[in-house]
Amino acid sequence: MKTLLISRDGPLHDEIAAQGAARVPPLHIGATRANLRDALDRPLAEPPELVIIDAKDGDAGDVGLLDRFCRQHAASNFILLTGAIEQHDLLIRAMRAGVREVLPLPLVHHAFHEALDRITNTSGIQAKHDGKVLAFIACKGGSGATFLSTNFGYALATLADKKVMLIDLHGQFGDAALYVSDQKPVMTLADVCSQIGRIDGPFLESCLVHVGAGFGVLAAADDPVHAGNLKPEHMDTLLRVARQHYDFIVLDVGRQIDAISLRALDNADAIYPILQLALPDIRDGRRLLDIFRSLGYPADNTKLIVNRYEKGGKLRLQDLQSALGAEVLHTIPNDYMAVTDSVNQGVPVLQLSRSSAVARSLIELVELVATRRVTENKGLFDRIFGRGDSEV
C-alpha cells in the first residue's frame, strides 16, 4: 500500500516503518512530508493509497489545512495520530473531512494494525501470502508434543511441498531442534526478539536451524534470563512476518500458559492439544480447554490429538470426546522403538523409519491439515516410500 507519512518525528517514522514491514502485504512509506503545509506545497506525482498524519504538534491553522488536504485526496485512506485531548476541533474537522481512523500517541501497535486491517478490508487489498499458524500444546508433561510438532513440521514440508517454520516457545529447557537435527542454533527466539525492529523474511530465515528443504526451526532461548526479555508484542510482529514468508508456522507451545504463549495462541489458526488416553491427561486436558473457552477461542479451531494410542483399552475415544467436549482430530500409535530411535539420533522419524506406524500416522495427519493431499504429489510420495500407491 503506497503510504505518505506527514510527520517531522524521526523515531515515529522508524517505528511505523518497522511495523509496516511486518504486515501482509507490507506497508511501505513511499514518501514523507514535514507537515500539512509541506504536503500541500509538494504534492506527489501519484496520490497515495494511505496517508498517516502526525498531528500531535498541530496548531489551529492545521484545521483548515487538513480539510483542504483531505478534499484533494478524496480517494485516499487516512490515519490521524494525535497526542492531546485538547485537539477536539481538529478531530471534529478530520471526521467531517472523511478521516475514519484516529489513534493516540505514543503509538499502540495492536491498535495501529487493527486500523490498517480495517482499511485493508474496506479497500479490497488482498494479502499476497497468508501462512497458517498451527499450535501444538501439551496437556500434560511427557505427552509427546515436541516430538509430534517437530516431526509433523518436517513431514508437512517434505510431503506437501510446503515452506514450514517451527517456533520453540518453551520458556526454559527448549530442545525442539534436537529432535530433528544435531546442528547448534546460531540464533534463538530471544535473539530474534532483541532485534525485532530489523525483522524481515531473509533475516528470519537466517536465524533458523535448517532441517531439510522447506523446514527450519527457530530454537528457544537457551538462557532463562534472556527468555524473560521476550514481550507479548514481539510475538505479534514475529508471526506477522512469518505468515508473509511461510506456508505454515508450527508452534511448540509446551505446557506453560504465560503472556508469551497466550499471545502466540491468540494468533493461531488451529490449536492441537496433545494428550494420552489416561485419566491424568484427561483431567489436565479439561483444565486447558476450559482456559481456551474462557479466552473465547472458537471451539472449531481446537482439535485433540491422542498420542501413543492403543486400541482395546478401557478408555475409549468416545469417552474422551464426551468428557472434554472436543473433537479428536487424529490418533498417533504407540510406536516406542521408532520414536526412541528418532529422538536419540536427532533424525525425523519419516527419514529414519519411513515404514513405521508412527511415520504413516504423521502422513495421515499431514493429509488432514495440508491444503492439498500429499497423495496428489505421487512422485514425491513414491520416492519417499519406494512403492506404488496400492501398497500405501
Protein backbone atom coordinates (compact mmCIF):
# COMPACT_ATOMS: atom_id res chain seq x y z
CA MET A 1 0.00 0.00 0.00
CA LYS A 2 1.55 3.32 -1.11
CA THR A 3 1.81 5.41 2.01
CA LEU A 4 2.54 9.06 2.70
CA LEU A 5 3.66 9.91 6.23
CA ILE A 6 3.22 13.53 7.30
CA SER A 7 5.49 13.98 10.31
CA ARG A 8 8.77 15.54 11.34
CA ASP A 9 9.29 12.91 14.07
CA GLY A 10 12.16 10.63 13.03
CA PRO A 11 11.67 7.93 15.69
CA LEU A 12 7.95 7.77 14.86
CA HIS A 13 8.83 7.32 11.18
CA ASP A 14 11.13 4.41 12.06
CA GLU A 15 8.51 2.85 14.33
CA ILE A 16 5.79 2.99 11.68
CA ALA A 17 8.19 1.70 9.03
CA ALA A 18 9.14 -1.30 11.19
CA GLN A 19 5.51 -2.13 11.93
CA GLY A 20 4.56 -1.71 8.30
CA ALA A 21 7.31 -4.03 7.10
CA ALA A 22 5.87 -6.79 9.28
CA ARG A 23 2.47 -6.71 7.61
CA VAL A 24 0.99 -8.95 4.92
CA PRO A 25 1.39 -7.42 2.38
CA PRO A 26 4.00 -5.00 3.69
CA LEU A 27 3.18 -1.35 4.16
CA HIS A 28 5.93 0.84 2.71
CA ILE A 29 6.32 4.54 3.45
CA GLY A 30 6.86 5.83 -0.07
CA ALA A 31 7.18 9.50 0.84
CA THR A 32 7.29 11.82 3.82
CA ARG A 33 6.38 15.43 4.39
CA ALA A 34 7.21 17.57 7.42
CA ASN A 35 3.68 18.93 7.90
CA LEU A 36 0.38 19.54 6.13
CA ARG A 37 1.63 22.77 4.54
CA ASP A 38 4.62 20.93 3.13
CA ALA A 39 2.33 18.17 1.81
CA LEU A 40 0.12 20.72 0.02
CA ASP A 41 3.07 22.63 -1.42
CA ARG A 42 4.82 19.48 -2.66
CA PRO A 43 2.14 17.11 -4.00
CA LEU A 44 3.09 13.59 -5.01
CA ALA A 45 3.10 12.53 -8.64
CA GLU A 46 0.55 9.82 -7.81
CA PRO A 47 -1.98 10.04 -4.98
CA PRO A 48 -1.13 7.75 -2.03
CA GLU A 49 -3.42 4.91 -1.00
CA LEU A 50 -2.84 5.74 2.66
CA VAL A 51 -1.94 8.98 4.42
CA ILE A 52 -0.72 8.89 8.04
CA ILE A 53 -0.81 12.33 9.65
CA ASP A 54 1.10 13.09 12.83
CA ALA A 55 -1.00 15.84 14.43
CA LYS A 56 0.43 15.79 17.95
CA ASP A 57 2.19 19.16 17.44
CA GLY A 58 -0.58 20.72 15.34
CA ASP A 59 -1.98 24.20 15.84
CA ALA A 60 -5.22 25.95 14.99
CA GLY A 61 -4.12 26.61 11.43
CA ASP A 62 -3.87 22.89 10.72
CA VAL A 63 -7.67 22.54 10.85
CA GLY A 64 -8.14 24.34 7.55
CA LEU A 65 -5.09 22.68 6.00
CA LEU A 66 -6.37 19.23 6.94
CA ASP A 67 -9.78 19.93 5.41
CA ARG A 68 -8.16 21.15 2.20
CA PHE A 69 -5.73 18.23 2.01
CA CYS A 70 -8.48 15.64 2.54
CA ARG A 71 -10.58 17.17 -0.25
CA GLN A 72 -7.63 16.97 -2.63
CA HIS A 73 -7.08 13.29 -1.75
CA ALA A 74 -10.65 12.10 -1.50
CA ALA A 75 -9.72 8.61 -2.78
CA SER A 76 -7.04 8.07 -0.12
CA ASN A 77 -7.40 6.45 3.30
CA PHE A 78 -6.35 8.43 6.36
CA ILE A 79 -4.99 7.67 9.82
CA LEU A 80 -4.71 10.65 12.15
CA LEU A 81 -2.25 10.37 15.04
CA THR A 82 -2.97 12.74 17.88
CA GLY A 83 -1.33 13.31 21.22
CA ALA A 84 -3.63 15.75 23.03
CA ILE A 85 -7.25 15.59 24.07
CA GLU A 86 -7.44 19.38 23.55
CA GLN A 87 -7.30 18.85 19.78
CA HIS A 88 -11.06 18.27 19.67
CA ASP A 89 -11.60 20.90 16.93
CA LEU A 90 -9.09 19.14 14.72
CA LEU A 91 -10.69 15.75 15.40
CA ILE A 92 -14.17 17.01 14.53
CA ARG A 93 -12.97 18.58 11.27
CA ALA A 94 -11.00 15.43 10.48
CA MET A 95 -14.10 13.27 10.86
CA ARG A 96 -16.11 15.66 8.68
CA ALA A 97 -13.37 15.54 6.07
CA GLY A 98 -13.57 11.73 5.88
CA VAL A 99 -10.87 10.59 8.31
CA ARG A 100 -12.13 7.32 9.81
CA GLU A 101 -9.14 6.23 11.89
CA VAL A 102 -7.82 8.32 14.79
CA LEU A 103 -5.15 6.85 17.07
CA PRO A 104 -3.41 8.25 20.16
CA LEU A 105 0.31 8.71 20.55
CA PRO A 106 2.51 7.08 21.74
CA LEU A 107 1.56 4.53 19.10
CA VAL A 108 -0.13 1.37 20.37
CA HIS A 109 0.98 -1.30 17.92
CA HIS A 110 -2.01 -3.63 18.06
CA ALA A 111 -4.40 -0.68 17.63
CA PHE A 112 -2.33 0.54 14.67
CA HIS A 113 -2.53 -2.86 12.97
CA GLU A 114 -6.25 -3.14 13.67
CA ALA A 115 -6.76 0.21 11.95
CA LEU A 116 -4.68 -0.92 8.99
CA ASP A 117 -6.67 -4.17 8.82
CA ARG A 118 -9.92 -2.21 8.62
CA ILE A 119 -8.53 -0.02 5.86
CA THR A 120 -7.22 -3.07 4.00
CA ASN A 121 -10.59 -4.82 4.21
CA THR A 122 -12.61 -1.84 3.04
CA SER A 123 -10.12 -1.09 0.26
CA GLY A 124 -10.22 -4.63 -1.09
CA ILE A 125 -6.45 -5.05 -0.81
CA GLN A 126 -5.61 -8.75 -0.67
CA ALA A 127 -2.65 -10.28 1.13
CA LYS A 128 -0.07 -11.82 -1.19
CA HIS A 129 0.72 -14.57 1.28
CA ASP A 130 -1.02 -15.62 4.44
CA GLY A 131 0.59 -18.60 6.13
CA LYS A 132 -1.32 -20.59 8.72
CA VAL A 133 -0.26 -20.80 12.36
CA LEU A 134 -0.71 -24.23 13.98
CA ALA A 135 -0.13 -24.54 17.72
CA PHE A 136 0.79 -27.85 19.38
CA ILE A 137 0.35 -27.68 23.16
CA ALA A 138 0.85 -30.42 25.74
CA CYS A 139 -2.00 -31.15 28.09
CA LYS A 140 0.44 -32.87 30.45
CA GLY A 141 4.20 -33.15 30.68
CA GLY A 142 5.59 -36.07 28.69
CA SER A 143 2.66 -36.22 26.28
CA GLY A 144 4.99 -36.06 23.26
CA ALA A 145 4.01 -32.63 21.95
CA THR A 146 7.56 -31.65 20.99
CA PHE A 147 8.16 -34.89 19.10
CA LEU A 148 4.88 -34.52 17.23
CA SER A 149 5.26 -30.83 16.41
CA THR A 150 8.82 -31.18 15.08
CA ASN A 151 8.19 -34.35 13.11
CA PHE A 152 4.87 -33.04 11.80
CA GLY A 153 6.61 -29.87 10.61
CA TYR A 154 9.23 -31.91 8.76
CA ALA A 155 6.57 -34.19 7.24
CA LEU A 156 4.46 -31.23 6.17
CA ALA A 157 7.39 -29.59 4.39
CA THR A 158 8.58 -32.83 2.81
CA LEU A 159 5.33 -34.45 1.73
CA ALA A 160 3.09 -31.49 1.00
CA ASP A 161 5.88 -29.38 -0.54
CA LYS A 162 5.24 -26.52 1.87
CA LYS A 163 7.57 -23.96 3.41
CA VAL A 164 7.34 -24.55 7.15
CA MET A 165 8.88 -22.90 10.20
CA LEU A 166 8.65 -24.24 13.74
CA ILE A 167 9.00 -21.88 16.70
CA ASP A 168 10.06 -23.39 20.02
CA LEU A 169 8.18 -21.43 22.69
CA HIS A 170 9.45 -23.33 25.71
CA GLY A 171 10.47 -20.67 28.18
CA GLN A 172 13.06 -22.97 29.77
CA PHE A 173 14.89 -26.04 28.51
CA GLY A 174 13.52 -25.79 24.97
CA ASP A 175 15.08 -28.50 22.82
CA ALA A 176 12.82 -28.87 19.79
CA ALA A 177 15.73 -28.52 17.36
CA LEU A 178 17.46 -31.55 18.93
CA TYR A 179 14.55 -33.79 17.95
CA VAL A 180 15.28 -33.36 14.25
CA SER A 181 18.84 -32.05 13.95
CA ASP A 182 22.31 -32.13 15.51
CA GLN A 183 23.06 -28.54 14.49
CA LYS A 184 23.72 -25.90 17.14
CA PRO A 185 21.36 -22.93 16.74
CA VAL A 186 23.13 -19.76 15.63
CA MET A 187 20.23 -17.58 16.79
CA THR A 188 17.39 -18.19 19.20
CA LEU A 189 13.91 -16.76 19.68
CA ALA A 190 15.32 -14.34 22.26
CA ASP A 191 17.98 -13.15 19.81
CA VAL A 192 15.36 -12.50 17.13
CA CYS A 193 13.10 -10.60 19.51
CA SER A 194 16.01 -8.48 20.72
CA GLN A 195 16.33 -7.25 17.12
CA ILE A 196 12.61 -7.14 16.36
CA GLY A 197 12.95 -3.78 14.59
CA ARG A 198 15.00 -5.29 11.75
CA ILE A 199 12.97 -8.46 11.28
CA ASP A 200 12.07 -9.44 7.74
CA GLY A 201 11.93 -12.64 5.69
CA PRO A 202 15.65 -13.06 4.92
CA PHE A 203 16.68 -12.19 8.49
CA LEU A 204 14.21 -14.69 9.92
CA GLU A 205 15.36 -17.41 7.51
CA SER A 206 18.99 -16.86 8.53
CA CYS A 207 18.10 -17.48 12.18
CA LEU A 208 16.66 -20.96 11.68
CA VAL A 209 18.15 -24.40 12.14
CA HIS A 210 17.54 -25.81 8.66
CA VAL A 211 16.49 -29.43 8.88
CA GLY A 212 15.50 -30.08 5.28
CA ALA A 213 14.24 -28.39 2.16
CA GLY A 214 11.50 -26.05 3.26
CA PHE A 215 11.70 -26.75 7.00
CA GLY A 216 13.52 -24.81 9.70
CA VAL A 217 13.36 -24.47 13.48
CA LEU A 218 13.65 -21.25 15.47
CA ALA A 219 15.19 -22.51 18.69
CA ALA A 220 14.03 -21.48 22.14
CA ALA A 221 16.07 -19.09 24.25
CA ASP A 222 18.99 -21.05 25.70
CA ASP A 223 19.17 -18.84 28.79
CA PRO A 224 16.15 -18.33 31.09
CA VAL A 225 17.37 -14.77 31.74
CA HIS A 226 17.15 -13.95 28.03
CA ALA A 227 13.77 -15.67 27.78
CA GLY A 228 12.47 -13.24 30.37
CA ASN A 229 13.15 -10.35 27.98
CA LEU A 230 10.55 -11.57 25.49
CA LYS A 231 7.45 -9.40 25.22
CA PRO A 232 3.98 -10.42 24.01
CA GLU A 233 4.02 -7.80 21.24
CA HIS A 234 7.15 -9.47 19.86
CA MET A 235 5.00 -12.49 19.01
CA ASP A 236 2.59 -10.32 17.02
CA THR A 237 5.40 -8.92 14.89
CA LEU A 238 7.23 -12.24 14.54
CA LEU A 239 4.15 -14.17 13.43
CA ARG A 240 3.04 -11.38 11.11
CA VAL A 241 6.37 -11.57 9.27
CA ALA A 242 6.38 -15.37 9.35
CA ARG A 243 2.90 -15.55 7.78
CA GLN A 244 4.22 -13.50 4.89
CA HIS A 245 7.10 -15.86 4.12
CA TYR A 246 5.98 -19.35 5.19
CA ASP A 247 3.04 -21.56 4.28
CA PHE A 248 2.78 -22.94 7.81
CA ILE A 249 4.16 -21.80 11.15
CA VAL A 250 4.13 -24.60 13.72
CA LEU A 251 4.30 -23.57 17.37
CA ASP A 252 5.68 -25.94 20.00
CA VAL A 253 3.98 -24.25 22.96
CA GLY A 254 4.93 -26.74 25.64
CA ARG A 255 2.80 -26.66 28.80
CA GLN A 256 3.25 -23.17 30.15
CA ILE A 257 0.44 -20.64 29.93
CA ASP A 258 2.00 -17.20 30.17
CA ALA A 259 1.82 -13.86 28.39
CA ILE A 260 4.06 -15.04 25.53
CA SER A 261 2.28 -18.34 24.89
CA LEU A 262 -1.15 -16.71 25.17
CA ARG A 263 -0.26 -14.09 22.60
CA ALA A 264 1.01 -16.86 20.30
CA LEU A 265 -2.21 -18.84 20.81
CA ASP A 266 -4.23 -15.69 20.10
CA ASN A 267 -2.61 -15.65 16.67
CA ALA A 268 -3.12 -19.37 15.96
CA ASP A 269 -5.46 -20.57 13.22
CA ALA A 270 -5.69 -24.01 14.84
CA ILE A 271 -4.72 -25.38 18.24
CA TYR A 272 -3.89 -29.05 18.78
CA PRO A 273 -3.80 -30.13 22.44
CA ILE A 274 -1.71 -33.30 22.72
CA LEU A 275 -2.64 -35.90 25.32
CA GLN A 276 -2.62 -39.60 26.03
CA LEU A 277 -5.67 -41.68 26.78
CA ALA A 278 -5.20 -41.67 30.55
CA LEU A 279 -7.11 -40.02 33.39
CA PRO A 280 -4.36 -37.54 34.43
CA ASP A 281 -4.10 -36.33 30.83
CA ILE A 282 -7.87 -36.04 30.52
CA ARG A 283 -8.06 -34.04 33.76
CA ASP A 284 -5.37 -31.61 32.61
CA GLY A 285 -6.89 -31.51 29.15
CA ARG A 286 -10.20 -30.36 30.59
CA ARG A 287 -8.44 -27.58 32.51
CA LEU A 288 -6.64 -26.45 29.36
CA LEU A 289 -9.81 -26.44 27.27
CA ASP A 290 -11.63 -24.52 29.99
CA ILE A 291 -8.92 -21.86 29.72
CA PHE A 292 -9.37 -21.72 25.96
CA ARG A 293 -13.13 -21.35 26.31
CA SER A 294 -12.73 -18.57 28.88
CA LEU A 295 -10.46 -16.77 26.40
CA GLY A 296 -13.10 -17.04 23.70
CA TYR A 297 -11.14 -19.31 21.36
CA PRO A 298 -13.51 -20.85 18.76
CA ALA A 299 -14.23 -24.48 19.56
CA ASP A 300 -13.93 -25.40 15.88
CA ASN A 301 -10.27 -24.30 15.90
CA THR A 302 -9.31 -26.65 18.76
CA LYS A 303 -8.82 -30.33 17.84
CA LEU A 304 -7.37 -33.04 20.07
CA ILE A 305 -4.53 -35.32 19.03
CA VAL A 306 -4.19 -38.51 21.07
CA ASN A 307 -0.61 -39.75 21.24
CA ARG A 308 0.58 -43.30 21.99
CA TYR A 309 -2.87 -44.60 21.25
CA GLU A 310 -3.60 -48.33 21.58
CA LYS A 311 -6.91 -49.84 20.64
CA GLY A 312 -8.78 -52.01 23.07
CA GLY A 313 -8.13 -50.03 26.25
CA LYS A 314 -10.74 -49.39 28.91
CA LEU A 315 -10.90 -45.70 27.95
CA ARG A 316 -12.32 -45.08 24.50
CA LEU A 317 -12.01 -42.12 22.19
CA GLN A 318 -15.75 -41.56 22.56
CA ASP A 319 -15.27 -41.26 26.32
CA LEU A 320 -12.52 -38.70 25.81
CA GLN A 321 -14.57 -36.58 23.42
CA SER A 322 -17.57 -36.71 25.73
CA ALA A 323 -15.51 -35.74 28.79
CA LEU A 324 -13.73 -32.82 27.12
CA GLY A 325 -16.38 -31.67 24.69
CA ALA A 326 -13.82 -31.51 21.89
CA GLU A 327 -13.24 -33.48 18.71
CA VAL A 328 -10.34 -35.89 18.33
CA LEU A 329 -8.70 -34.98 15.05
CA HIS A 330 -6.19 -37.82 14.92
CA THR A 331 -4.51 -40.61 16.88
CA ILE A 332 -0.79 -41.43 16.87
CA PRO A 333 0.00 -45.11 17.57
CA ASN A 334 2.31 -46.26 20.35
CA ASP A 335 5.49 -46.97 18.36
CA TYR A 336 8.15 -46.87 21.07
CA MET A 337 11.14 -48.18 19.13
CA ALA A 338 10.74 -45.92 16.11
CA VAL A 339 10.17 -42.84 18.25
CA THR A 340 13.07 -43.60 20.60
CA ASP A 341 15.50 -44.17 17.71
CA SER A 342 14.38 -40.93 16.09
CA VAL A 343 14.79 -38.85 19.26
CA ASN A 344 18.13 -40.39 20.23
CA GLN A 345 19.61 -39.77 16.78
CA GLY A 346 18.02 -36.38 16.22
CA VAL A 347 16.64 -37.51 12.87
CA PRO A 348 12.99 -37.09 11.77
CA VAL A 349 11.14 -40.39 12.06
CA LEU A 350 9.90 -40.06 8.49
CA GLN A 351 13.52 -40.03 7.32
CA LEU A 352 14.82 -42.67 9.71
CA SER A 353 11.96 -45.17 9.72
CA ARG A 354 9.75 -44.40 6.74
CA SER A 355 7.61 -47.54 7.04
CA SER A 356 6.98 -47.33 10.80
CA ALA A 357 3.49 -46.96 12.17
CA VAL A 358 4.20 -43.53 13.62
CA ALA A 359 5.58 -42.26 10.30
CA ARG A 360 2.47 -43.41 8.47
CA SER A 361 0.29 -41.77 11.08
CA LEU A 362 2.14 -38.48 10.58
CA ILE A 363 1.46 -38.74 6.86
CA GLU A 364 -2.24 -39.09 7.61
CA LEU A 365 -2.05 -36.03 9.86
CA VAL A 366 -0.40 -34.04 7.07
CA GLU A 367 -3.21 -35.09 4.74
CA LEU A 368 -5.75 -33.82 7.26
CA VAL A 369 -4.06 -30.47 7.77
CA ALA A 370 -2.41 -29.53 4.47
CA THR A 371 -4.34 -27.54 1.90
CA ARG A 372 -3.89 -30.31 -0.63
CA ARG A 373 -3.49 -34.01 -0.03
CA VAL A 374 0.03 -35.35 -0.18
CA THR A 375 -1.11 -38.25 -2.33
CA GLU A 376 -1.63 -35.77 -5.17
CA ASN A 377 2.16 -35.42 -5.27
CA LYS A 378 2.68 -39.02 -6.29
CA GLY A 379 6.26 -38.62 -7.49
CA LEU A 380 7.48 -37.35 -4.11
CA PHE A 381 5.38 -39.89 -2.23
CA ASP A 382 6.79 -42.73 -4.30
CA ARG A 383 10.38 -41.56 -3.80
CA ILE A 384 9.96 -41.50 -0.03
CA PHE A 385 8.32 -44.90 0.26
CA GLY A 386 9.74 -46.58 -2.79
CA ARG A 387 6.47 -48.29 -3.67
CA GLY A 388 3.22 -47.83 -5.54
CA ASP A 389 0.04 -46.21 -4.25
CA SER A 390 -1.66 -49.56 -3.87
CA GLU A 391 0.75 -50.52 -1.08
CA VAL A 392 0.47 -47.28 0.87
